[in-house]
Structure formats: structure tokens, C-alpha cells
Amino acid sequence: MLALCDASLKQWESLQLEKKQAFLKGLKDGIPICLGYLSVSFTFGMMTAENGLPYWISLLISMTNLTSAGQFAGTALILSGGAFVEIAVTTFVINIRYMLMSLSLAQKADPAMSAGQRLLLSFGITDEVFAVGVQQPGLLTAPYLAGLIFAPYWGWALGTLTGATATSLLPAALRSALGVAIYGMFLAIIIPPARKVRPVAITIVIAAVMSCIFRYTPLLNRISSGWVIILCAMAAAGYSALRYPVGEAGEEDAQ
């Protein structure tokens, strides 16, 4: 009986060690993402502070959303007095990609991962977390994903808090320069795949052209920015989905 208990104890200790090692590996892989998030979330915090939002509201937004584009667009609509439906639909369209990413990662998830763990960890799935997770060999365990998400989550929150509280201490010229950081991040996301994959480039061009049409065409320029984002995103993505089905990706890439 003692031997059986001793064997069970050793097995439990071994399992806990494996979980700890998996968490630490995820934490290590998430540190570069965390460093990248600090600068972008700092810009978000700065933007909210300059528009009169208290620092704790900025922090609350970041800790309950964890989505760069969705936060910037949604907060901008809130500050401009956008309707609730417009804000909800805009953020839904922008963030719907996270649902697809979560579904993809679910195929690599360890079968031992409980439903509660899946729901909790799905909150932390971002573009960068997905990119790192999907490249991992083998199954994704709950400890690894927890470690991978831990640093980016708190980096995003810390950057927001720092930007919201330190804005008043920065010179106007520096605040203006930091204001373009989000656009640089978006360009860094879209340019590399656009250069390699033709459908991505075409989708971007369609969305950009439509955005310009809404911006400079009389009557159309009266449509609020939230609905413009929705219409451009759905039209560009819908066209590319029909014109370049996933099954033909390889053929299109070669063109």
C-alpha cells in the first residue's frame, strides 16, 4: 500500500513539474509579444487620456477587451457619440477573426483541457498569440497557453495604464509622434502577407479604395466611420472569399 501511494505521489509530482515547465515555456514565448504590446497599448492609453477618459476606465477597457483594433475603433466611436448598435456591430466585425483563430487552435488543443479552461484561455487569443501557438509542434496544453497569454495580457494592461497616466508629462511633439504608432503596427501586419499572397493584397486595395470613396463622395461622406468600417470590411472580405476560395489558395499564390 505504501509503495502504491509513493508511486502515485511521484506521478503527481512529475505531472506538476511538466505543467510548470509548459507554463514557463509559454511565458518565455510570450515575452516578445508583451514587449510589442507595451508600445501600442501605451498609445491607446495616451489617446483615451487626451480625450478626457479617466485612467481607470482606460485600464478597464484594456483588461476586459484585449484587442488593439477593436479597442481603438470602439473607443473612438464612444468618444464621438456613436450609437450602441454601431459600436457593437463595428467591434463584432473587427473582432470576429478571433473566433476563427480560437476554432483553429481548438484543433490543436490537448483533449485533457476542460471546457472551463478552453473558455478562459480563449479570451487571451490575439493575432500574435495565435501565430505563436499555431506553430507549436504537438498539442497545446492549458499550462502552455496560460503562460503564452500571461505576459501579453499584463503587458497590454501595463502599457495602457502607463500611457493614460504619463501623457500629461510628455511634450506635445512626442505625444503626436507616438500617435502614429498604431498605424505603423497595422502596416507591419498587412504589408508582409500582402507582398506574398495576391488575394490579401487585393482585399486590402478594395477596402482602401472603398474607404476613400466613402470619405470623399458627397452624401456618402455623411455615413459614420463605424458603418464605413463595417461596409468596407464585409465587401472586401466577401469578394475575396468568393473569388479566392481557400481550396484554391495554392493556385492563386502561384499567379
Protein backbone atom coordinates (compact mmCIF):
# COMPACT_ATOMS: atom_id res chain seq x y z
CA MET A 1 0.00 0.00 0.00
CA LEU A 2 2.82 2.40 0.90
CA ALA A 3 4.59 1.57 -2.34
CA LEU A 4 1.42 2.33 -4.31
CA CYS A 5 0.98 5.66 -2.53
CA ASP A 6 4.61 6.54 -3.13
CA ALA A 7 4.27 5.76 -6.84
CA SER A 8 1.13 7.87 -7.08
CA LEU A 9 2.86 10.75 -5.32
CA LYS A 10 5.81 10.61 -7.69
CA GLN A 11 3.49 10.51 -10.67
CA TRP A 12 1.62 13.56 -9.35
CA GLU A 13 4.88 15.44 -8.76
CA SER A 14 6.05 14.56 -12.25
CA LEU A 15 2.80 15.86 -13.72
CA GLN A 16 3.08 19.11 -11.76
CA LEU A 17 6.66 19.54 -12.98
CA GLU A 18 5.54 19.07 -16.58
CA LYS A 19 2.81 21.67 -16.13
CA LYS A 20 5.29 24.12 -14.60
CA GLN A 21 7.75 23.60 -17.44
CA ALA A 22 4.99 24.07 -20.02
CA PHE A 23 3.86 27.29 -18.34
CA LEU A 24 7.41 28.65 -18.23
CA LYS A 25 7.93 27.81 -21.90
CA GLY A 26 4.72 29.63 -22.78
CA LEU A 27 5.79 32.57 -20.62
CA LYS A 28 9.13 32.72 -22.43
CA ASP A 29 7.42 32.62 -25.84
CA GLY A 30 5.02 35.37 -24.78
CA ILE A 31 7.61 37.90 -23.62
CA PRO A 32 8.38 39.23 -27.15
CA ILE A 33 4.63 39.71 -27.70
CA CYS A 34 4.42 41.54 -24.37
CA LEU A 35 7.18 43.96 -25.37
CA GLY A 36 5.40 44.72 -28.64
CA TYR A 37 2.12 45.30 -26.85
CA LEU A 38 3.63 47.83 -24.44
CA SER A 39 4.16 50.48 -27.11
CA VAL A 40 0.80 50.01 -28.82
CA SER A 41 -1.23 49.94 -25.60
CA PHE A 42 0.71 52.99 -24.40
CA THR A 43 -0.65 54.80 -27.45
CA PHE A 44 -4.16 53.62 -26.61
CA GLY A 45 -3.85 54.89 -23.05
CA MET A 46 -2.50 58.19 -24.31
CA MET A 47 -5.38 58.56 -26.76
CA THR A 48 -8.03 57.96 -24.12
CA ALA A 49 -6.37 60.36 -21.67
CA GLU A 50 -6.20 63.13 -24.27
CA ASN A 51 -9.93 62.68 -24.87
CA GLY A 52 -10.79 63.03 -21.20
CA LEU A 53 -11.31 59.43 -20.09
CA PRO A 54 -10.11 58.61 -16.55
CA TYR A 55 -7.12 56.30 -16.38
CA TRP A 56 -9.10 53.57 -14.62
CA ILE A 57 -11.64 53.43 -17.45
CA SER A 58 -8.81 53.06 -19.99
CA LEU A 59 -7.33 50.26 -17.92
CA LEU A 60 -10.71 48.57 -17.54
CA ILE A 61 -11.25 48.67 -21.32
CA SER A 62 -7.89 47.01 -21.95
CA MET A 63 -8.30 44.36 -19.26
CA THR A 64 -11.74 43.33 -20.48
CA ASN A 65 -11.16 43.52 -24.25
CA LEU A 66 -7.54 42.76 -25.21
CA THR A 67 -7.97 43.77 -28.84
CA SER A 68 -5.99 46.61 -30.37
CA ALA A 69 -8.03 47.45 -33.47
CA GLY A 70 -11.34 46.78 -31.72
CA GLN A 71 -10.42 48.98 -28.77
CA PHE A 72 -9.23 51.89 -30.89
CA ALA A 73 -12.28 51.75 -33.17
CA GLY A 74 -14.78 51.14 -30.40
CA THR A 75 -13.38 53.82 -28.11
CA ALA A 76 -13.24 56.32 -30.97
CA LEU A 77 -16.92 55.67 -31.67
CA ILE A 78 -17.78 56.06 -27.98
CA LEU A 79 -15.93 59.38 -27.79
CA SER A 80 -17.65 60.62 -30.96
CA GLY A 81 -21.09 59.72 -29.60
CA GLY A 82 -21.74 56.71 -31.84
CA ALA A 83 -24.91 54.69 -31.40
CA PHE A 84 -24.77 51.48 -29.36
CA VAL A 85 -25.73 49.35 -32.35
CA GLU A 86 -22.99 50.94 -34.47
CA ILE A 87 -20.37 50.36 -31.79
CA ALA A 88 -21.48 46.77 -31.21
CA VAL A 89 -21.55 45.83 -34.90
CA THR A 90 -18.24 47.56 -35.62
CA THR A 91 -16.37 45.80 -32.82
CA PHE A 92 -18.02 42.50 -33.74
CA VAL A 93 -16.88 42.74 -37.36
CA ILE A 94 -13.36 43.77 -36.36
CA ASN A 95 -13.02 41.06 -33.70
CA ILE A 96 -14.78 38.17 -35.43
CA ARG A 97 -11.38 36.92 -36.60
CA TYR A 98 -10.62 35.88 -33.01
CA MET A 99 -13.46 33.37 -33.15
CA LEU A 100 -11.91 31.81 -36.24
CA MET A 101 -8.49 31.76 -34.58
CA SER A 102 -9.91 30.07 -31.50
CA LEU A 103 -11.62 27.44 -33.63
CA SER A 104 -8.32 26.77 -35.39
CA LEU A 105 -6.36 26.46 -32.14
CA ALA A 106 -9.06 24.19 -30.74
CA GLN A 107 -7.95 21.59 -33.27
CA LYS A 108 -4.51 21.56 -31.61
CA ALA A 109 -5.78 21.69 -28.02
CA ASP A 110 -4.94 18.88 -25.62
CA PRO A 111 -8.05 16.64 -25.22
CA ALA A 112 -7.44 16.79 -21.46
CA MET A 113 -8.20 20.53 -21.49
CA SER A 114 -11.55 21.14 -19.79
CA ALA A 115 -14.35 23.26 -21.21
CA GLY A 116 -13.78 25.85 -18.49
CA GLN A 117 -10.09 26.11 -19.38
CA ARG A 118 -10.94 26.48 -23.08
CA LEU A 119 -13.41 29.29 -22.35
CA LEU A 120 -10.98 31.13 -20.09
CA LEU A 121 -7.99 30.80 -22.41
CA SER A 122 -9.99 31.79 -25.49
CA PHE A 123 -10.24 35.30 -24.02
CA GLY A 124 -6.48 35.75 -24.48
CA ILE A 125 -6.28 34.64 -28.12
CA THR A 126 -4.90 37.54 -30.16
CA ASP A 127 -3.25 37.68 -33.60
CA GLU A 128 0.23 37.27 -32.14
CA VAL A 129 -0.73 34.60 -29.59
CA PHE A 130 -2.44 32.65 -32.37
CA ALA A 131 0.62 32.95 -34.64
CA VAL A 132 2.92 31.57 -31.94
CA GLY A 133 0.50 28.88 -30.77
CA VAL A 134 -0.33 27.51 -34.19
CA GLN A 135 3.38 26.99 -34.95
CA GLN A 136 4.00 24.88 -31.85
CA PRO A 137 4.64 21.19 -32.54
CA GLY A 138 2.22 18.75 -30.98
CA LEU A 139 -0.80 19.52 -28.83
CA LEU A 140 -1.31 22.80 -26.98
CA THR A 141 -1.75 22.25 -23.26
CA ALA A 142 -3.59 24.57 -20.87
CA PRO A 143 -0.40 25.45 -18.88
CA TYR A 144 1.46 26.40 -22.07
CA LEU A 145 -1.36 28.62 -23.36
CA ALA A 146 -1.75 30.18 -19.91
CA GLY A 147 1.94 31.08 -19.92
CA LEU A 148 1.80 32.32 -23.50
CA ILE A 149 -1.14 34.63 -22.72
CA PHE A 150 0.04 35.79 -19.27
CA ALA A 151 2.80 38.20 -20.33
CA PRO A 152 0.97 39.80 -23.30
CA TYR A 153 -2.17 40.35 -21.19
CA TRP A 154 -0.38 42.17 -18.41
CA GLY A 155 1.88 43.96 -20.89
CA TRP A 156 -1.20 45.31 -22.64
CA ALA A 157 -2.70 46.43 -19.33
CA LEU A 158 0.55 47.98 -18.09
CA GLY A 159 1.11 49.85 -21.34
CA THR A 160 -2.41 51.25 -21.20
CA LEU A 161 -2.03 52.37 -17.60
CA THR A 162 1.34 53.98 -18.29
CA GLY A 163 0.08 55.80 -21.36
CA ALA A 164 -3.04 57.05 -19.57
CA THR A 165 -1.15 58.35 -16.53
CA ALA A 166 2.06 59.64 -18.15
CA THR A 167 0.52 61.54 -21.07
CA SER A 168 0.43 64.85 -19.23
CA LEU A 169 4.18 64.58 -18.59
CA LEU A 170 5.13 64.16 -22.26
CA PRO A 171 5.88 67.03 -24.66
CA ALA A 172 3.22 67.69 -27.30
CA ALA A 173 5.64 66.79 -30.12
CA LEU A 174 6.34 63.38 -28.57
CA ARG A 175 2.64 62.70 -28.00
CA SER A 176 1.97 63.48 -31.64
CA ALA A 177 4.75 61.15 -32.77
CA LEU A 178 3.50 58.30 -30.59
CA GLY A 179 0.04 58.80 -32.04
CA VAL A 180 1.13 57.18 -35.31
CA ALA A 181 2.38 54.02 -33.60
CA ILE A 182 -0.90 52.17 -34.13
CA TYR A 183 -0.76 52.85 -37.87
CA GLY A 184 2.78 51.51 -38.00
CA MET A 185 1.63 48.34 -36.27
CA PHE A 186 -1.20 47.85 -38.77
CA LEU A 187 1.18 48.37 -41.71
CA ALA A 188 3.57 45.82 -40.20
CA ILE A 189 0.70 43.32 -40.04
CA ILE A 190 -0.69 43.75 -43.56
CA ILE A 191 2.34 44.53 -45.75
CA PRO A 192 4.32 41.25 -45.39
CA PRO A 193 1.38 38.93 -46.25
CA ALA A 194 0.22 41.34 -48.97
CA ARG A 195 3.59 41.03 -50.69
CA LYS A 196 3.45 37.24 -50.62
CA VAL A 197 -0.24 36.44 -51.13
CA ARG A 198 -2.13 38.07 -54.00
CA PRO A 199 -5.67 37.71 -52.54
CA VAL A 200 -4.55 39.54 -49.37
CA ALA A 201 -3.19 42.43 -51.41
CA ILE A 202 -6.38 42.63 -53.48
CA THR A 203 -8.53 42.61 -50.34
CA ILE A 204 -6.52 45.48 -48.87
CA VAL A 205 -6.75 47.52 -52.06
CA ILE A 206 -10.53 47.02 -52.31
CA ALA A 207 -11.04 48.09 -48.71
CA ALA A 208 -8.78 51.14 -49.14
CA VAL A 209 -10.50 52.26 -52.36
CA MET A 210 -13.95 51.87 -50.81
CA SER A 211 -12.84 53.82 -47.75
CA CYS A 212 -11.66 56.68 -49.98
CA ILE A 213 -14.96 56.62 -51.86
CA PHE A 214 -16.91 56.94 -48.62
CA ARG A 215 -14.57 59.69 -47.45
CA TYR A 216 -14.67 61.97 -50.49
CA THR A 217 -18.05 61.28 -52.15
CA PRO A 218 -20.86 63.72 -51.28
CA LEU A 219 -23.66 62.15 -49.23
CA LEU A 220 -21.59 59.02 -48.66
CA ASN A 221 -19.19 61.03 -46.51
CA ARG A 222 -22.04 61.60 -44.08
CA ILE A 223 -22.07 57.94 -43.10
CA SER A 224 -20.42 57.47 -39.71
CA SER A 225 -16.97 55.91 -39.53
CA GLY A 226 -18.25 52.81 -37.76
CA TRP A 227 -20.62 51.84 -40.56
CA VAL A 228 -17.95 52.66 -43.14
CA ILE A 229 -15.59 50.17 -41.47
CA ILE A 230 -18.33 47.55 -41.45
CA LEU A 231 -19.28 48.04 -45.11
CA CYS A 232 -15.70 48.15 -46.39
CA ALA A 233 -14.61 45.12 -44.38
CA MET A 234 -17.60 42.98 -45.36
CA ALA A 235 -17.46 43.95 -49.05
CA ALA A 236 -13.70 43.40 -49.43
CA ALA A 237 -13.66 40.17 -47.42
CA GLY A 238 -16.81 38.87 -49.13
CA TYR A 239 -15.43 39.48 -52.61
CA SER A 240 -12.11 37.80 -51.83
CA ALA A 241 -13.83 34.84 -50.16
CA LEU A 242 -15.86 34.23 -53.32
CA ARG A 243 -13.08 35.00 -55.77
CA TYR A 244 -10.29 33.18 -53.94
CA PRO A 245 -11.67 30.17 -52.04
CA VAL A 246 -9.33 28.54 -49.55
CA GLY A 247 -9.11 25.43 -51.70
CA GLU A 248 -7.58 27.43 -54.50
CA ALA A 249 -5.06 29.28 -52.34
CA GLY A 250 -2.10 27.39 -53.68
CA GLU A 251 -3.10 28.04 -57.26
CA GLU A 252 -3.65 31.74 -56.62
CA ASP A 253 -0.34 32.16 -54.84
CA ALA A 254 1.43 30.89 -57.91
CA GLN A 255 -0.17 33.53 -60.14
